[in-house]
Amino acid sequence: MHTGRNLPQLLGEARRWFEDALVAAMERAGTPPVSPTQLQLFAELDEAGTTVSELARRMAVTRQTAHQAVHSLVAAGLLEQVAHPASARQRLIRRTERGADAHRQALAVLRRLEDELAARIGRRTLDALRTALETPWGDPPVVAPPA
C-alpha cells in the first residue's frame, strides 16, 4: 500500500502522531502545554544539564529557537538554568523536580503509545521499524540531481 508520499514525509507524519498523542496525554495529566519543539528539547537534555548551544545542535535548530523554547519551559517551572561548573560564561539547562516528574510521565506515555501502535500495525512490523531506524545509516550521501 504505497501512498505516493516520500519517506521523509512519512517519517514526519509518524513523528507528529507520537507528538500529538503525547501532548494530549500530558495536558490531560495537568502538565503545562508544550510545543513539539519544547518536547524535543526536553528529550535532548542530559540529566546533569545541557547548554543551549548543545541543545540547538542536537535539535538541528537555531540557538535562538532553542533559547526561546528553554525560556518558556523555565517560565512553566519545568526547567531551570544553573551555573556551568567548567565555564563562568555558560549556563546549564536542566529539569526541575516538576520537570523530571513530567519527563517520567512522558516516557511512560510513549511506552503506552508504542504498545498501541503495535496493536494497530503488529508487533513484528513495529519491531522491524525500530530495527531499521536503529541501524546506522552512515553519513548522508551526496547524490547528484537527475539530469
Protein backbone atom coordinates (compact mmCIF):
# COMPACT_ATOMS: atom_id res chain seq x y z
CA MET A 1 0.00 0.00 0.00
CA HIS A 2 2.02 2.96 -1.25
CA THR A 3 0.53 6.39 -0.73
CA GLY A 4 2.81 8.31 -3.08
CA ARG A 5 4.38 10.23 -0.19
CA ASN A 6 8.14 10.05 0.17
CA LEU A 7 9.87 8.53 3.17
CA PRO A 8 10.74 11.86 4.87
CA GLN A 9 7.05 12.83 4.68
CA LEU A 10 6.01 9.51 6.18
CA LEU A 11 8.59 9.79 8.97
CA GLY A 12 7.36 13.31 9.71
CA GLU A 13 3.76 12.12 9.91
CA ALA A 14 4.79 9.29 12.24
CA ARG A 15 6.62 11.75 14.50
CA ARG A 16 3.58 14.04 14.58
CA TRP A 17 1.37 11.06 15.53
CA PHE A 18 3.51 10.47 18.62
CA GLU A 19 3.85 14.18 19.41
CA ASP A 20 0.10 14.88 19.14
CA ALA A 21 -0.76 11.91 21.34
CA LEU A 22 1.95 12.81 23.88
CA VAL A 23 0.89 16.47 24.09
CA ALA A 24 -2.75 15.47 24.57
CA ALA A 25 -1.87 12.95 27.30
CA MET A 26 0.37 15.41 29.13
CA GLU A 27 -2.29 18.14 29.00
CA ARG A 28 -4.84 15.69 30.44
CA ALA A 29 -2.35 14.96 33.24
CA GLY A 30 -2.14 18.68 34.07
CA THR A 31 1.32 19.35 32.67
CA PRO A 32 1.65 22.86 31.22
CA PRO A 33 1.07 22.86 27.44
CA VAL A 34 4.23 22.32 25.41
CA SER A 35 5.04 22.58 21.72
CA PRO A 36 6.73 19.88 19.62
CA THR A 37 9.97 21.90 19.78
CA GLN A 38 9.74 22.01 23.57
CA LEU A 39 9.08 18.25 23.66
CA GLN A 40 12.17 17.64 21.57
CA LEU A 41 14.27 19.94 23.74
CA PHE A 42 13.08 18.19 26.88
CA ALA A 43 14.06 14.82 25.42
CA GLU A 44 17.54 16.03 24.44
CA LEU A 45 18.52 17.21 27.93
CA ASP A 46 21.26 15.35 29.78
CA GLU A 47 20.48 14.56 33.41
CA ALA A 48 23.27 16.84 34.67
CA GLY A 49 22.21 19.65 32.32
CA THR A 50 22.97 20.80 28.80
CA THR A 51 23.93 24.17 27.33
CA VAL A 52 21.55 25.97 25.00
CA SER A 53 24.16 25.76 22.22
CA GLU A 54 24.37 21.99 22.58
CA LEU A 55 20.59 21.66 22.69
CA ALA A 56 20.32 23.69 19.47
CA ARG A 57 22.91 21.43 17.80
CA ARG A 58 21.16 18.23 18.89
CA MET A 59 17.77 19.54 17.80
CA ALA A 60 19.10 20.95 14.50
CA VAL A 61 17.56 24.36 15.23
CA THR A 62 18.98 27.83 15.70
CA ARG A 63 20.33 28.86 19.05
CA GLN A 64 17.57 31.46 19.21
CA THR A 65 14.87 28.80 18.70
CA ALA A 66 16.38 26.63 21.44
CA HIS A 67 16.68 29.66 23.75
CA GLN A 68 13.01 30.57 23.21
CA ALA A 69 11.92 27.00 24.00
CA VAL A 70 14.12 26.95 27.11
CA HIS A 71 12.75 30.31 28.27
CA SER A 72 9.13 29.17 28.05
CA LEU A 73 9.87 25.88 29.84
CA VAL A 74 11.72 27.77 32.60
CA ALA A 75 8.68 30.06 32.93
CA ALA A 76 6.45 26.95 33.19
CA GLY A 77 8.62 25.64 36.04
CA LEU A 78 9.80 22.57 34.12
CA LEU A 79 13.41 23.66 33.53
CA GLU A 80 15.97 25.73 35.36
CA GLN A 81 19.25 27.42 34.48
CA VAL A 82 22.26 26.75 36.70
CA ALA A 83 25.90 27.77 36.62
CA HIS A 84 28.12 25.66 34.37
CA PRO A 85 30.86 24.12 36.55
CA ALA A 86 33.52 24.49 33.84
CA SER A 87 32.59 27.88 32.37
CA ALA A 88 31.54 31.12 34.02
CA ARG A 89 30.09 32.29 30.68
CA GLN A 90 27.76 29.36 30.11
CA ARG A 91 24.70 28.10 31.91
CA LEU A 92 23.37 24.57 32.05
CA ILE A 93 19.72 23.87 31.41
CA ARG A 94 18.26 21.03 33.45
CA ARG A 95 14.91 19.67 34.54
CA THR A 96 13.39 20.89 37.79
CA GLU A 97 11.83 18.30 40.08
CA ARG A 98 8.49 19.07 38.44
CA GLY A 99 10.15 18.75 35.03
CA ALA A 100 11.70 15.39 35.97
CA ASP A 101 8.25 14.15 37.01
CA ALA A 102 6.80 15.34 33.69
CA HIS A 103 9.67 13.62 31.83
CA ARG A 104 8.99 10.31 33.59
CA GLN A 105 5.30 10.66 32.75
CA ALA A 106 6.13 11.38 29.10
CA LEU A 107 8.36 8.30 28.87
CA ALA A 108 5.56 6.15 30.31
CA VAL A 109 3.08 7.64 27.80
CA LEU A 110 5.50 6.92 24.93
CA ARG A 111 5.80 3.27 26.03
CA ARG A 112 2.00 3.01 26.03
CA LEU A 113 1.84 4.66 22.60
CA GLU A 114 4.31 2.10 21.25
CA ASP A 115 2.10 -0.66 22.66
CA GLU A 116 -0.93 0.94 20.98
CA LEU A 117 0.95 1.19 17.70
CA ALA A 118 1.98 -2.48 17.98
CA ALA A 119 -1.70 -3.39 18.45
CA ARG A 120 -2.56 -1.42 15.30
CA ILE A 121 0.24 -2.44 12.93
CA GLY A 122 1.52 -5.64 14.57
CA ARG A 123 4.42 -6.24 16.94
CA ARG A 124 6.62 -7.70 14.18
CA THR A 125 6.09 -4.64 11.98
CA LEU A 126 6.86 -2.31 14.89
CA ASP A 127 9.99 -4.30 15.79
CA ALA A 128 11.13 -4.21 12.14
CA LEU A 129 10.57 -0.45 12.05
CA ARG A 130 12.60 0.03 15.22
CA THR A 131 15.39 -2.18 13.88
CA ALA A 132 15.51 -0.22 10.61
CA LEU A 133 15.64 3.11 12.43
CA GLU A 134 18.27 1.94 14.93
CA THR A 135 20.54 0.57 12.20
CA PRO A 136 23.34 3.05 11.46
CA TRP A 137 22.77 4.66 8.06
CA GLY A 138 26.20 6.29 7.81
CA ASP A 139 26.81 9.85 6.76
CA PRO A 140 24.29 11.35 4.34
CA PRO A 141 25.47 10.72 0.78
CA VAL A 142 26.00 13.42 -1.80
CA VAL A 143 23.61 12.45 -4.58
CA ALA A 144 23.59 14.22 -7.93
CA PRO A 145 20.20 15.53 -9.07
CA PRO A 146 18.63 13.75 -12.03
CA ALA A 147 19.77 15.01 -15.41
